[in-house]
């Protein structure tokens, strides 16, 4: 998908992500050109433990959950099957 280039804070549609929507217009204007919409498949892993953070995600819809790996090798909550 194409990047949205923001010329003026009022030139962009209101973000659907509440964190982005709460930003002051000037901060959002600086960030907006670097945002890229992506479609993620079901059960997509956003971050792997011990790996560098490659991207920040600002979900607009759907669900994101976190699973913690336990010392015994289990998970909390258990992964969906």
PDB file of N, CA and C in Angstrom:
ATOM      1  N   UNK A   1       0.835  -1.178   0.000  1.00  0.00           N
ATOM      2  CA  UNK A   1       0.000   0.000   0.000  1.00  0.00           C
ATOM      3  C   UNK A   1       0.876   1.236   0.000  1.00  0.00           C
ATOM      4  N   UNK A   2       0.368   2.309  -0.505  1.00  0.00           N
ATOM      5  CA  UNK A   2       1.125   3.552  -0.592  1.00  0.00           C
ATOM      6  C   UNK A   2       1.203   4.228   0.770  1.00  0.00           C
ATOM      7  N   UNK A   3       2.292   4.927   0.976  1.00  0.00           N
ATOM      8  CA  UNK A   3       2.443   5.723   2.189  1.00  0.00           C
ATOM      9  C   UNK A   3       1.567   6.968   2.070  1.00  0.00           C
ATOM     10  N   UNK A   4       1.062   7.438   3.184  1.00  0.00           N
ATOM     11  CA  UNK A   4       0.315   8.687   3.206  1.00  0.00           C
ATOM     12  C   UNK A   4       1.274   9.801   3.592  1.00  0.00           C
ATOM     13  N   UNK A   5       1.471  10.759   2.733  1.00  0.00           N
ATOM     14  CA  UNK A   5       2.356  11.876   3.028  1.00  0.00           C
ATOM     15  C   UNK A   5       1.516  13.048   3.512  1.00  0.00           C
ATOM     16  N   UNK A   6       1.818  13.489   4.706  1.00  0.00           N
ATOM     17  CA  UNK A   6       1.030  14.528   5.341  1.00  0.00           C
ATOM     18  C   UNK A   6       1.692  15.881   5.131  1.00  0.00           C
ATOM     19  N   UNK A   7       0.996  16.809   4.520  1.00  0.00           N
ATOM     20  CA  UNK A   7       1.503  18.148   4.306  1.00  0.00           C
ATOM     21  C   UNK A   7       1.136  19.066   5.453  1.00  0.00           C
ATOM     22  N   UNK A   8       0.002  18.847   6.035  1.00  0.00           N
ATOM     23  CA  UNK A   8      -0.482  19.687   7.124  1.00  0.00           C
ATOM     24  C   UNK A   8      -1.277  18.790   8.064  1.00  0.00           C
ATOM     25  N   UNK A   9      -1.197  19.006   9.399  1.00  0.00           N
ATOM     26  CA  UNK A   9      -1.905  18.115  10.320  1.00  0.00           C
ATOM     27  C   UNK A   9      -3.376  17.903   9.994  1.00  0.00           C
ATOM     28  N   UNK A  10      -4.040  18.903   9.461  1.00  0.00           N
ATOM     29  CA  UNK A  10      -5.464  18.748   9.167  1.00  0.00           C
ATOM     30  C   UNK A  10      -5.709  18.053   7.828  1.00  0.00           C
ATOM     31  N   UNK A  11      -4.644  17.744   7.066  1.00  0.00           N
ATOM     32  CA  UNK A  11      -4.798  17.131   5.751  1.00  0.00           C
ATOM     33  C   UNK A  11      -5.004  15.620   5.824  1.00  0.00           C
ATOM     34  N   UNK A  12      -4.757  15.012   6.965  1.00  0.00           N
ATOM     35  CA  UNK A  12      -4.869  13.556   7.082  1.00  0.00           C
ATOM     36  C   UNK A  12      -6.192  13.176   7.731  1.00  0.00           C
ATOM     37  N   UNK A  13      -6.691  11.992   7.394  1.00  0.00           N
ATOM     38  CA  UNK A  13      -7.878  11.522   8.100  1.00  0.00           C
ATOM     39  C   UNK A  13      -7.518  11.247   9.559  1.00  0.00           C
ATOM     40  N   UNK A  14      -8.489  11.283  10.430  1.00  0.00           N
ATOM     41  CA  UNK A  14      -8.228  11.000  11.844  1.00  0.00           C
ATOM     42  C   UNK A  14      -7.791   9.547  11.977  1.00  0.00           C
ATOM     43  N   UNK A  15      -6.725   9.295  12.728  1.00  0.00           N
ATOM     44  CA  UNK A  15      -6.281   7.908  12.906  1.00  0.00           C
ATOM     45  C   UNK A  15      -7.336   7.084  13.637  1.00  0.00           C
ATOM     46  N   UNK A  16      -7.441   5.815  13.276  1.00  0.00           N
ATOM     47  CA  UNK A  16      -8.384   4.923  13.949  1.00  0.00           C
ATOM     48  C   UNK A  16      -7.764   4.305  15.193  1.00  0.00           C
ATOM     49  N   UNK A  17      -6.452   4.403  15.354  1.00  0.00           N
ATOM     50  CA  UNK A  17      -5.778   3.921  16.552  1.00  0.00           C
ATOM     51  C   UNK A  17      -5.858   5.012  17.618  1.00  0.00           C
ATOM     52  N   UNK A  18      -6.304   4.656  18.813  1.00  0.00           N
ATOM     53  CA  UNK A  18      -6.541   5.668  19.847  1.00  0.00           C
ATOM     54  C   UNK A  18      -5.262   6.313  20.350  1.00  0.00           C
ATOM     55  N   UNK A  19      -4.162   5.592  20.362  1.00  0.00           N
ATOM     56  CA  UNK A  19      -2.889   6.178  20.779  1.00  0.00           C
ATOM     57  C   UNK A  19      -2.450   7.250  19.784  1.00  0.00           C
ATOM     58  N   UNK A  20      -2.515   6.931  18.497  1.00  0.00           N
ATOM     59  CA  UNK A  20      -2.157   7.916  17.472  1.00  0.00           C
ATOM     60  C   UNK A  20      -3.124   9.090  17.489  1.00  0.00           C
ATOM     61  N   UNK A  21      -4.407   8.823  17.699  1.00  0.00           N
ATOM     62  CA  UNK A  21      -5.409   9.891  17.716  1.00  0.00           C
ATOM     63  C   UNK A  21      -5.188  10.852  18.880  1.00  0.00           C
ATOM     64  N   UNK A  22      -4.555  10.376  19.951  1.00  0.00           N
ATOM     65  CA  UNK A  22      -4.323  11.217  21.127  1.00  0.00           C
ATOM     66  C   UNK A  22      -3.102  12.113  20.982  1.00  0.00           C
ATOM     67  N   UNK A  23      -2.298  11.882  19.956  1.00  0.00           N
ATOM     68  CA  UNK A  23      -1.103  12.710  19.769  1.00  0.00           C
ATOM     69  C   UNK A  23      -1.473  14.135  19.376  1.00  0.00           C
ATOM     70  N   UNK A  24      -0.666  15.109  19.797  1.00  0.00           N
ATOM     71  CA  UNK A  24      -0.867  16.470  19.294  1.00  0.00           C
ATOM     72  C   UNK A  24      -0.716  16.473  17.768  1.00  0.00           C
ATOM     73  N   UNK A  25      -1.476  17.298  17.058  1.00  0.00           N
ATOM     74  CA  UNK A  25      -1.428  17.301  15.589  1.00  0.00           C
ATOM     75  C   UNK A  25      -0.019  17.464  15.014  1.00  0.00           C
ATOM     76  N   UNK A  26       0.823  18.257  15.642  1.00  0.00           N
ATOM     77  CA  UNK A  26       2.178  18.472  15.127  1.00  0.00           C
ATOM     78  C   UNK A  26       3.009  17.188  15.219  1.00  0.00           C
ATOM     79  N   UNK A  27       2.846  16.437  16.312  1.00  0.00           N
ATOM     80  CA  UNK A  27       3.579  15.173  16.468  1.00  0.00           C
ATOM     81  C   UNK A  27       3.079  14.137  15.471  1.00  0.00           C
ATOM     82  N   UNK A  28       1.764  14.062  15.300  1.00  0.00           N
ATOM     83  CA  UNK A  28       1.201  13.131  14.322  1.00  0.00           C
ATOM     84  C   UNK A  28       1.670  13.485  12.914  1.00  0.00           C
ATOM     85  N   UNK A  29       1.763  14.765  12.606  1.00  0.00           N
ATOM     86  CA  UNK A  29       2.211  15.195  11.279  1.00  0.00           C
ATOM     87  C   UNK A  29       3.638  14.739  11.003  1.00  0.00           C
ATOM     88  N   UNK A  30       4.488  14.738  12.021  1.00  0.00           N
ATOM     89  CA  UNK A  30       5.877  14.275  11.835  1.00  0.00           C
ATOM     90  C   UNK A  30       5.941  12.758  11.683  1.00  0.00           C
ATOM     91  N   UNK A  31       5.047  12.048  12.352  1.00  0.00           N
ATOM     92  CA  UNK A  31       5.058  10.586  12.335  1.00  0.00           C
ATOM     93  C   UNK A  31       4.350  10.012  11.118  1.00  0.00           C
ATOM     94  N   UNK A  32       3.301  10.668  10.662  1.00  0.00           N
ATOM     95  CA  UNK A  32       2.410  10.137   9.618  1.00  0.00           C
ATOM     96  C   UNK A  32       3.135   9.623   8.366  1.00  0.00           C
ATOM     97  N   UNK A  33       4.135  10.354   7.818  1.00  0.00           N
ATOM     98  CA  UNK A  33       4.783   9.867   6.589  1.00  0.00           C
ATOM     99  C   UNK A  33       5.532   8.546   6.775  1.00  0.00           C
ATOM    100  N   UNK A  34       5.818   8.163   8.001  1.00  0.00           N
ATOM    101  CA  UNK A  34       6.559   6.933   8.253  1.00  0.00           C
ATOM    102  C   UNK A  34       5.640   5.750   8.542  1.00  0.00           C
ATOM    103  N   UNK A  35       4.338   5.999   8.639  1.00  0.00           N
ATOM    104  CA  UNK A  35       3.386   4.926   8.918  1.00  0.00           C
ATOM    105  C   UNK A  35       2.990   4.228   7.623  1.00  0.00           C
ATOM    106  N   UNK A  36       2.837   2.933   7.716  1.00  0.00           N
ATOM    107  CA  UNK A  36       2.477   2.137   6.545  1.00  0.00           C
ATOM    108  C   UNK A  36       1.402   1.128   6.951  1.00  0.00           C
ATOM    109  N   UNK A  37       0.238   1.160   6.315  1.00  0.00           N
ATOM    110  CA  UNK A  37      -0.797   0.180   6.665  1.00  0.00           C
ATOM    111  C   UNK A  37      -0.391  -1.224   6.212  1.00  0.00           C
ATOM    112  N   UNK A  38      -0.628  -2.206   7.065  1.00  0.00           N
ATOM    113  CA  UNK A  38      -0.331  -3.599   6.724  1.00  0.00           C
ATOM    114  C   UNK A  38      -1.501  -4.477   7.178  1.00  0.00           C
ATOM    115  N   UNK A  39      -1.732  -5.538   6.453  1.00  0.00           N
ATOM    116  CA  UNK A  39      -2.707  -6.563   6.826  1.00  0.00           C
ATOM    117  C   UNK A  39      -1.915  -7.708   7.425  1.00  0.00           C
ATOM    118  N   UNK A  40      -2.300  -8.151   8.621  1.00  0.00           N
ATOM    119  CA  UNK A  40      -1.600  -9.245   9.273  1.00  0.00           C
ATOM    120  C   UNK A  40      -2.487 -10.481   9.287  1.00  0.00           C
ATOM    121  N   UNK A  41      -1.906 -11.645   8.992  1.00  0.00           N
ATOM    122  CA  UNK A  41      -2.701 -12.877   9.021  1.00  0.00           C
ATOM    123  C   UNK A  41      -3.017 -13.286  10.459  1.00  0.00           C
ATOM    124  N   UNK A  42      -4.040 -14.095  10.606  1.00  0.00           N
ATOM    125  CA  UNK A  42      -4.427 -14.638  11.894  1.00  0.00           C
ATOM    126  C   UNK A  42      -3.233 -15.354  12.532  1.00  0.00           C
ATOM    127  N   UNK A  43      -3.022 -15.138  13.821  1.00  0.00           N
ATOM    128  CA  UNK A  43      -1.957 -15.759  14.610  1.00  0.00           C
ATOM    129  C   UNK A  43      -0.556 -15.300  14.208  1.00  0.00           C
ATOM    130  N   UNK A  44      -0.450 -14.166  13.577  1.00  0.00           N
ATOM    131  CA  UNK A  44       0.857 -13.614  13.195  1.00  0.00           C
ATOM    132  C   UNK A  44       1.615 -13.201  14.457  1.00  0.00           C
ATOM    133  N   UNK A  45       2.878 -13.563  14.567  1.00  0.00           N
ATOM    134  CA  UNK A  45       3.703 -13.194  15.719  1.00  0.00           C
ATOM    135  C   UNK A  45       4.340 -11.833  15.431  1.00  0.00           C
ATOM    136  N   UNK A  46       4.041 -10.864  16.290  1.00  0.00           N
ATOM    137  CA  UNK A  46       4.572  -9.512  16.104  1.00  0.00           C
ATOM    138  C   UNK A  46       5.980  -9.355  16.655  1.00  0.00           C
ATOM    139  N   UNK A  47       6.282 -10.040  17.754  1.00  0.00           N
ATOM    140  CA  UNK A  47       7.584  -9.894  18.386  1.00  0.00           C
ATOM    141  C   UNK A  47       8.015 -11.225  18.986  1.00  0.00           C
ATOM    142  N   UNK A  48       9.239 -11.629  18.707  1.00  0.00           N
ATOM    143  CA  UNK A  48       9.804 -12.864  19.237  1.00  0.00           C
ATOM    144  C   UNK A  48      10.719 -12.499  20.405  1.00  0.00           C
ATOM    145  N   UNK A  49      10.607 -13.224  21.533  1.00  0.00           N
ATOM    146  CA  UNK A  49      11.482 -12.919  22.670  1.00  0.00           C
ATOM    147  C   UNK A  49      12.961 -12.953  22.283  1.00  0.00           C
ATOM    148  N   UNK A  50      13.723 -12.055  22.874  1.00  0.00           N
ATOM    149  CA  UNK A  50      15.179 -11.972  22.675  1.00  0.00           C
ATOM    150  C   UNK A  50      15.577 -11.484  21.276  1.00  0.00           C
ATOM    151  N   UNK A  51      14.631 -11.091  20.455  1.00  0.00           N
ATOM    152  CA  UNK A  51      14.932 -10.547  19.122  1.00  0.00           C
ATOM    153  C   UNK A  51      14.808  -9.031  19.160  1.00  0.00           C
ATOM    154  N   UNK A  52      15.602  -8.316  18.365  1.00  0.00           N
ATOM    155  CA  UNK A  52      15.446  -6.852  18.311  1.00  0.00           C
ATOM    156  C   UNK A  52      14.059  -6.472  17.788  1.00  0.00           C
ATOM    157  N   UNK A  53      13.553  -5.361  18.265  1.00  0.00           N
ATOM    158  CA  UNK A  53      12.259  -4.862  17.791  1.00  0.00           C
ATOM    159  C   UNK A  53      12.452  -4.318  16.381  1.00  0.00           C
ATOM    160  N   UNK A  54      11.727  -4.878  15.431  1.00  0.00           N
ATOM    161  CA  UNK A  54      11.872  -4.487  14.025  1.00  0.00           C
ATOM    162  C   UNK A  54      10.841  -3.448  13.603  1.00  0.00           C
ATOM    163  N   UNK A  55       9.694  -3.402  14.290  1.00  0.00           N
ATOM    164  CA  UNK A  55       8.631  -2.480  13.891  1.00  0.00           C
ATOM    165  C   UNK A  55       7.713  -2.219  15.076  1.00  0.00           C
ATOM    166  N   UNK A  56       7.059  -1.077  15.038  1.00  0.00           N
ATOM    167  CA  UNK A  56       6.008  -0.760  16.000  1.00  0.00           C
ATOM    168  C   UNK A  56       4.680  -0.929  15.289  1.00  0.00           C
ATOM    169  N   UNK A  57       3.704  -1.441  16.006  1.00  0.00           N
ATOM    170  CA  UNK A  57       2.385  -1.659  15.417  1.00  0.00           C
ATOM    171  C   UNK A  57       1.359  -0.836  16.182  1.00  0.00           C
ATOM    172  N   UNK A  58       0.487  -0.174  15.453  1.00  0.00           N
ATOM    173  CA  UNK A  58      -0.600   0.618  16.016  1.00  0.00           C
ATOM    174  C   UNK A  58      -1.900   0.042  15.467  1.00  0.00           C
ATOM    175  N   UNK A  59      -2.417  -1.022  16.094  1.00  0.00           N
ATOM    176  CA  UNK A  59      -3.606  -1.692  15.558  1.00  0.00           C
ATOM    177  C   UNK A  59      -4.800  -0.746  15.429  1.00  0.00           C
ATOM    178  N   UNK A  60      -5.500  -0.874  14.308  1.00  0.00           N
ATOM    179  CA  UNK A  60      -6.705  -0.082  14.060  1.00  0.00           C
ATOM    180  C   UNK A  60      -7.962  -0.900  14.312  1.00  0.00           C
ATOM    181  N   UNK A  61      -7.847  -2.211  14.220  1.00  0.00           N
ATOM    182  CA  UNK A  61      -8.974  -3.100  14.477  1.00  0.00           C
ATOM    183  C   UNK A  61      -8.425  -4.478  14.799  1.00  0.00           C
ATOM    184  N   UNK A  62      -9.277  -5.344  15.319  1.00  0.00           N
ATOM    185  CA  UNK A  62      -8.865  -6.705  15.621  1.00  0.00           C
ATOM    186  C   UNK A  62      -8.355  -6.836  17.044  1.00  0.00           C
ATOM    187  N   UNK A  63      -7.618  -7.920  17.297  1.00  0.00           N
ATOM    188  CA  UNK A  63      -7.115  -8.228  18.620  1.00  0.00           C
ATOM    189  C   UNK A  63      -5.618  -8.490  18.562  1.00  0.00           C
ATOM    190  N   UNK A  64      -4.942  -8.057  19.612  1.00  0.00           N
ATOM    191  CA  UNK A  64      -3.528  -8.379  19.806  1.00  0.00           C
ATOM    192  C   UNK A  64      -3.424  -8.917  21.219  1.00  0.00           C
ATOM    193  N   UNK A  65      -2.716 -10.014  21.392  1.00  0.00           N
ATOM    194  CA  UNK A  65      -2.546 -10.565  22.735  1.00  0.00           C
ATOM    195  C   UNK A  65      -1.079 -10.891  22.967  1.00  0.00           C
ATOM    196  N   UNK A  66      -0.733 -11.057  24.241  1.00  0.00           N
ATOM    197  CA  UNK A  66       0.638 -11.370  24.615  1.00  0.00           C
ATOM    198  C   UNK A  66       0.636 -12.706  25.347  1.00  0.00           C
ATOM    199  N   UNK A  67       1.584 -13.552  24.992  1.00  0.00           N
ATOM    200  CA  UNK A  67       1.761 -14.826  25.675  1.00  0.00           C
ATOM    201  C   UNK A  67       3.126 -14.788  26.339  1.00  0.00           C
ATOM    202  N   UNK A  68       3.171 -15.033  27.645  1.00  0.00           N
ATOM    203  CA  UNK A  68       4.423 -15.066  28.391  1.00  0.00           C
ATOM    204  C   UNK A  68       4.921 -16.504  28.473  1.00  0.00           C
ATOM    205  N   UNK A  69       6.197 -16.701  28.155  1.00  0.00           N
ATOM    206  CA  UNK A  69       6.787 -18.029  28.283  1.00  0.00           C
ATOM    207  C   UNK A  69       7.234 -18.229  29.724  1.00  0.00           C
ATOM    208  N   UNK A  70       6.858 -19.369  30.319  1.00  0.00           N
ATOM    209  CA  UNK A  70       7.172 -19.667  31.704  1.00  0.00           C
ATOM    210  C   UNK A  70       8.474 -20.460  31.802  1.00  0.00           C
ATOM    211  N   UNK A  71       9.073 -20.471  32.983  1.00  0.00           N
ATOM    212  CA  UNK A  71      10.344 -21.163  33.198  1.00  0.00           C
ATOM    213  C   UNK A  71      10.248 -22.651  32.874  1.00  0.00           C
ATOM    214  N   UNK A  72       9.074 -23.252  33.092  1.00  0.00           N
ATOM    215  CA  UNK A  72       8.915 -24.689  32.823  1.00  0.00           C
ATOM    216  C   UNK A  72       8.637 -24.984  31.349  1.00  0.00           C
ATOM    217  N   UNK A  73       8.658 -23.961  30.515  1.00  0.00           N
ATOM    218  CA  UNK A  73       8.424 -24.143  29.084  1.00  0.00           C
ATOM    219  C   UNK A  73       6.981 -23.960  28.675  1.00  0.00           C
ATOM    220  N   UNK A  74       6.081 -23.800  29.648  1.00  0.00           N
ATOM    221  CA  UNK A  74       4.675 -23.564  29.344  1.00  0.00           C
ATOM    222  C   UNK A  74       4.449 -22.116  28.951  1.00  0.00           C
ATOM    223  N   UNK A  75       3.211 -21.783  28.742  1.00  0.00           N
ATOM    224  CA  UNK A  75       2.856 -20.423  28.352  1.00  0.00           C
ATOM    225  C   UNK A  75       1.669 -19.956  29.167  1.00  0.00           C
ATOM    226  N   UNK A  76       1.615 -18.659  29.412  1.00  0.00           N
ATOM    227  CA  UNK A  76       0.505 -18.065  30.145  1.00  0.00           C
ATOM    228  C   UNK A  76      -0.009 -16.879  29.352  1.00  0.00           C
ATOM    229  N   UNK A  77      -1.163 -16.849  28.793  1.00  0.00           N
ATOM    230  CA  UNK A  77      -2.101 -17.973  28.730  1.00  0.00           C
ATOM    231  C   UNK A  77      -1.629 -19.017  27.721  1.00  0.00           C
ATOM    232  N   UNK A  78      -2.151 -20.237  27.797  1.00  0.00           N
ATOM    233  CA  UNK A  78      -1.741 -21.265  26.831  1.00  0.00           C
ATOM    234  C   UNK A  78      -2.073 -20.826  25.417  1.00  0.00           C
ATOM    235  N   UNK A  79      -1.204 -21.128  24.444  1.00  0.00           N
ATOM    236  CA  UNK A  79      -1.496 -20.752  23.049  1.00  0.00           C
ATOM    237  C   UNK A  79      -2.762 -21.433  22.545  1.00  0.00           C
ATOM    238  N   UNK A  80      -3.459 -20.783  21.640  1.00  0.00           N
ATOM    239  CA  UNK A  80      -4.652 -21.363  21.028  1.00  0.00           C
ATOM    240  C   UNK A  80      -4.243 -22.492  20.092  1.00  0.00           C
ATOM    241  N   UNK A  81      -5.077 -23.494  20.005  1.00  0.00           N
ATOM    242  CA  UNK A  81      -4.760 -24.627  19.123  1.00  0.00           C
ATOM    243  C   UNK A  81      -5.696 -24.668  17.961  1.00  0.00           C
TER     244      UNK A  81
END
